[in-house]
Amino acid sequence: MSGAAKPIPGSARPEGVLENVITFICFYVHSQGYSLSMTKLMKLVYLVEVYHTLLTRERIINVPFYRWNYGAYSPSVIGSLESLFSKGILAEKVVKTQDGNLASLPVPKISKTRISLTDSAREAVKSVLEDWADKDLEEIVRYTKKTLPFLNTAFGEKIDFSRIDPVVEYAKEKGVSEAEAATRDIASNKPLIKSLRQADKELREGESLLNWDEVFG
């Protein structure tokens, strides 16, 4: 008796934001020839939430992430991966690493599928992939551990993505207004202050002004 029929390309679709984000990441990374372990996928999904929250001040995935030893972790990502495996959209490929250990890699099982995400969600996923898809796991983990939501969470606790704005967090810490915090932040940026002073000097001396990119980088 033959096994289950293989899904027709495009007929099997991820459901919900998390499954769509995971599928988007897996298909893209595989198409570029980069490696993608389960752990790397976990960190990329976390960064999608960070990027989107920074961009819009709203979360899109809305599943809990926790602070663990090896960075942000969410059981929901594992659950969604298992769902995508069962649907035949992704497959679990087991490979032997250089040190002789076995590793599980999520890879596409079908040639194509349909991704359903909002414009802002797509933008967040694309930005994360452009920044991190080709990076090794250790570099990604180091970065995730420097993000404000992770830093502002105690070990084992649920990560609070609302604590993502450095100006807001600085204002809370110092007991000043957000406007004052923003002013202090700008004043502490020596390269920016130097560029602004140069622009002011050129304006007073009638020289050509620095453009936006030259001032703000």
Protein backbone atom coordinates (compact mmCIF):
# COMPACT_ATOMS: atom_id res chain seq x y z
CA MET A 1 0.00 0.00 0.00
CA SER A 2 1.40 3.36 -1.00
CA GLY A 3 2.06 6.08 1.54
CA ALA A 4 0.39 9.47 1.82
CA ALA A 5 0.24 11.47 -1.37
CA LYS A 6 2.80 14.21 -1.76
CA PRO A 7 1.21 17.68 -1.59
CA ILE A 8 0.82 19.41 -4.93
CA PRO A 9 3.11 22.50 -5.06
CA GLY A 10 1.12 25.50 -3.88
CA SER A 11 -1.73 23.41 -2.47
CA ALA A 12 -0.28 23.01 1.05
CA ARG A 13 -0.27 26.33 2.84
CA PRO A 14 0.95 27.46 6.24
CA GLU A 15 -1.71 28.71 8.63
CA GLY A 16 -1.34 31.65 10.96
CA VAL A 17 1.38 34.27 11.20
CA LEU A 18 3.98 32.08 12.89
CA GLU A 19 3.74 29.24 10.36
CA ASN A 20 3.94 31.76 7.52
CA VAL A 21 7.00 33.45 9.01
CA ILE A 22 8.75 30.11 9.54
CA THR A 23 7.92 28.96 6.01
CA PHE A 24 9.12 32.24 4.50
CA ILE A 25 12.44 31.93 6.36
CA CYS A 26 12.99 28.27 5.49
CA PHE A 27 12.22 28.66 1.78
CA TYR A 28 14.40 31.76 1.47
CA VAL A 29 17.42 30.40 3.36
CA HIS A 30 17.25 27.11 1.42
CA SER A 31 17.04 28.97 -1.92
CA GLN A 32 20.18 30.96 -1.04
CA GLY A 33 22.15 27.87 -0.06
CA TYR A 34 22.67 28.95 3.56
CA SER A 35 22.51 26.60 6.52
CA LEU A 36 19.50 26.71 8.86
CA SER A 37 19.46 24.74 12.08
CA MET A 38 16.45 24.61 14.37
CA THR A 39 18.26 26.94 16.78
CA LYS A 40 19.11 29.46 14.07
CA LEU A 41 15.51 29.43 12.90
CA MET A 42 14.37 30.12 16.48
CA LYS A 43 16.60 33.21 16.70
CA LEU A 44 15.53 34.50 13.27
CA VAL A 45 11.86 34.24 14.23
CA TYR A 46 12.62 36.14 17.44
CA LEU A 47 14.38 38.86 15.43
CA VAL A 48 11.38 39.16 13.12
CA GLU A 49 9.30 40.03 16.18
CA VAL A 50 11.96 42.50 17.36
CA TYR A 51 12.26 44.19 13.96
CA HIS A 52 8.50 44.43 13.51
CA THR A 53 7.96 45.85 16.99
CA LEU A 54 10.67 48.46 16.40
CA LEU A 55 9.11 49.34 13.04
CA THR A 56 5.45 49.53 14.06
CA ARG A 57 5.41 49.33 17.90
CA GLU A 58 3.17 46.29 17.44
CA ARG A 59 3.90 42.57 17.63
CA ILE A 60 2.84 40.29 14.81
CA ILE A 61 3.56 36.77 16.01
CA ASN A 62 2.21 37.14 19.56
CA VAL A 63 3.59 33.91 20.98
CA PRO A 64 5.63 33.87 24.19
CA PHE A 65 9.41 33.90 24.03
CA TYR A 66 11.51 33.21 27.10
CA ARG A 67 15.03 34.14 28.13
CA TRP A 68 17.22 31.03 28.24
CA ASN A 69 20.95 30.38 28.32
CA TYR A 70 21.24 30.22 24.54
CA GLY A 71 19.08 33.25 23.82
CA ALA A 72 15.37 33.67 23.17
CA TYR A 73 13.31 30.48 23.02
CA SER A 74 9.65 29.78 22.24
CA PRO A 75 7.90 26.39 22.48
CA SER A 76 5.39 27.74 19.95
CA VAL A 77 8.05 27.79 17.23
CA ILE A 78 8.68 24.08 17.80
CA GLY A 79 4.94 23.39 17.72
CA SER A 80 4.51 25.27 14.45
CA LEU A 81 7.47 23.45 12.92
CA GLU A 82 5.89 20.10 13.77
CA SER A 83 2.64 21.28 12.19
CA LEU A 84 4.48 22.27 9.00
CA PHE A 85 6.19 18.87 8.95
CA SER A 86 2.84 17.09 9.26
CA LYS A 87 1.34 19.18 6.45
CA GLY A 88 4.20 18.22 4.14
CA ILE A 89 5.35 21.82 3.65
CA LEU A 90 8.66 21.32 5.44
CA ALA A 91 10.72 18.24 6.21
CA GLU A 92 13.21 17.48 8.96
CA LYS A 93 16.61 16.66 7.49
CA VAL A 94 19.11 15.05 9.85
CA VAL A 95 22.77 15.68 9.03
CA LYS A 96 26.09 14.96 10.73
CA THR A 97 28.07 18.03 11.79
CA GLN A 98 31.84 18.45 11.49
CA ASP A 99 32.28 17.42 15.12
CA GLY A 100 30.33 14.20 14.52
CA ASN A 101 27.05 15.22 16.15
CA LEU A 102 23.64 14.94 14.51
CA ALA A 103 21.67 18.09 13.71
CA SER A 104 18.10 18.58 12.46
CA LEU A 105 17.56 21.05 9.64
CA PRO A 106 14.12 22.25 8.53
CA VAL A 107 14.01 22.22 4.71
CA PRO A 108 11.23 22.73 2.13
CA LYS A 109 9.49 19.50 1.14
CA ILE A 110 7.60 21.02 -1.79
CA SER A 111 8.81 23.36 -4.50
CA LYS A 112 6.55 26.27 -3.61
CA THR A 113 3.73 27.39 -1.37
CA ARG A 114 1.73 30.53 -0.79
CA ILE A 115 2.80 32.91 1.98
CA SER A 116 0.16 35.08 3.61
CA LEU A 117 1.59 38.01 5.60
CA THR A 118 0.84 41.71 5.98
CA ASP A 119 3.10 44.21 4.24
CA SER A 120 4.76 45.20 7.51
CA ALA A 121 5.33 41.56 8.43
CA ARG A 122 6.91 40.82 5.05
CA GLU A 123 9.13 43.87 5.44
CA ALA A 124 10.27 42.69 8.87
CA VAL A 125 11.03 39.17 7.63
CA LYS A 126 12.91 40.46 4.58
CA SER A 127 14.97 42.85 6.71
CA VAL A 128 15.92 40.08 9.13
CA LEU A 129 16.90 37.76 6.28
CA GLU A 130 18.96 40.46 4.57
CA ASP A 131 20.81 41.13 7.83
CA TRP A 132 21.19 37.64 9.25
CA ALA A 133 20.44 34.78 6.82
CA ASP A 134 24.11 34.37 5.88
CA LYS A 135 25.47 34.79 9.42
CA ASP A 136 26.59 31.91 11.61
CA LEU A 137 24.62 30.89 14.67
CA GLU A 138 27.04 32.24 17.26
CA GLU A 139 26.94 35.75 15.76
CA ILE A 140 23.14 35.72 15.66
CA VAL A 141 22.89 34.50 19.25
CA ARG A 142 25.26 37.25 20.43
CA TYR A 143 23.12 39.87 18.75
CA THR A 144 19.81 38.56 20.10
CA LYS A 145 21.25 38.70 23.61
CA LYS A 146 21.96 42.41 23.11
CA THR A 147 18.40 43.33 22.12
CA LEU A 148 16.55 45.40 24.70
CA PRO A 149 13.61 43.02 25.23
CA PHE A 150 16.07 40.21 26.04
CA LEU A 151 18.27 42.38 28.27
CA ASN A 152 15.25 43.66 30.18
CA THR A 153 14.02 40.15 31.00
CA ALA A 154 15.14 37.98 33.91
CA PHE A 155 16.34 34.44 33.17
CA GLY A 156 13.47 32.03 32.57
CA GLU A 157 10.89 34.83 32.34
CA LYS A 158 8.68 35.75 29.40
CA ILE A 159 10.29 38.40 27.19
CA ASP A 160 8.48 41.73 27.26
CA PHE A 161 8.59 43.18 23.74
CA SER A 162 7.09 46.48 24.89
CA ARG A 163 10.48 47.29 26.45
CA ILE A 164 12.13 47.84 23.09
CA ASP A 165 12.56 51.61 22.72
CA PRO A 166 15.94 52.74 24.12
CA VAL A 167 14.73 56.30 24.66
CA VAL A 168 11.68 55.16 26.63
CA GLU A 169 13.76 52.75 28.71
CA TYR A 170 16.38 55.41 29.40
CA ALA A 171 13.66 57.86 30.46
CA LYS A 172 12.26 55.31 32.91
CA GLU A 173 15.69 54.49 34.32
CA LYS A 174 16.71 58.14 34.84
CA GLY A 175 13.27 59.44 35.81
CA VAL A 176 13.17 62.04 33.05
CA SER A 177 10.77 62.79 30.22
CA GLU A 178 11.13 60.97 26.91
CA ALA A 179 11.99 64.31 25.26
CA GLU A 180 14.83 64.85 27.74
CA ALA A 181 16.00 61.28 27.25
CA ALA A 182 16.06 61.76 23.48
CA THR A 183 18.01 65.01 23.87
CA ARG A 184 20.59 63.31 26.08
CA ASP A 185 20.85 60.45 23.60
CA ILE A 186 21.60 62.83 20.74
CA ALA A 187 24.02 64.86 22.88
CA SER A 188 25.99 61.71 23.70
CA ASN A 189 26.43 60.85 20.01
CA LYS A 190 29.77 62.57 19.36
CA PRO A 191 30.02 61.80 15.60
CA LEU A 192 26.51 63.19 15.09
CA ILE A 193 27.26 66.35 17.08
CA LYS A 194 30.46 66.84 15.07
CA SER A 195 28.52 66.56 11.79
CA LEU A 196 25.87 69.01 13.00
CA ARG A 197 28.51 71.54 14.03
CA GLN A 198 30.21 71.18 10.64
CA ALA A 199 26.87 71.78 8.92
CA ASP A 200 26.28 74.89 11.05
CA LYS A 201 29.78 76.20 10.26
CA GLU A 202 29.27 75.72 6.52
CA LEU A 203 25.91 77.45 6.68
CA ARG A 204 27.38 80.50 8.42
CA GLU A 205 30.33 80.65 6.03
CA GLY A 206 28.16 80.25 2.97
CA GLU A 207 29.61 76.90 1.99
CA SER A 208 27.61 73.99 0.59
CA LEU A 209 25.55 72.18 3.21
CA LEU A 210 26.02 68.56 4.15
CA ASN A 211 23.17 66.41 2.94
CA TRP A 212 21.01 64.18 5.18
CA ASP A 213 23.11 61.05 4.60
CA GLU A 214 26.35 62.88 5.36
CA VAL A 215 24.98 64.20 8.67
CA PHE A 216 23.05 61.17 9.90
CA GLY A 217 25.01 58.40 8.26
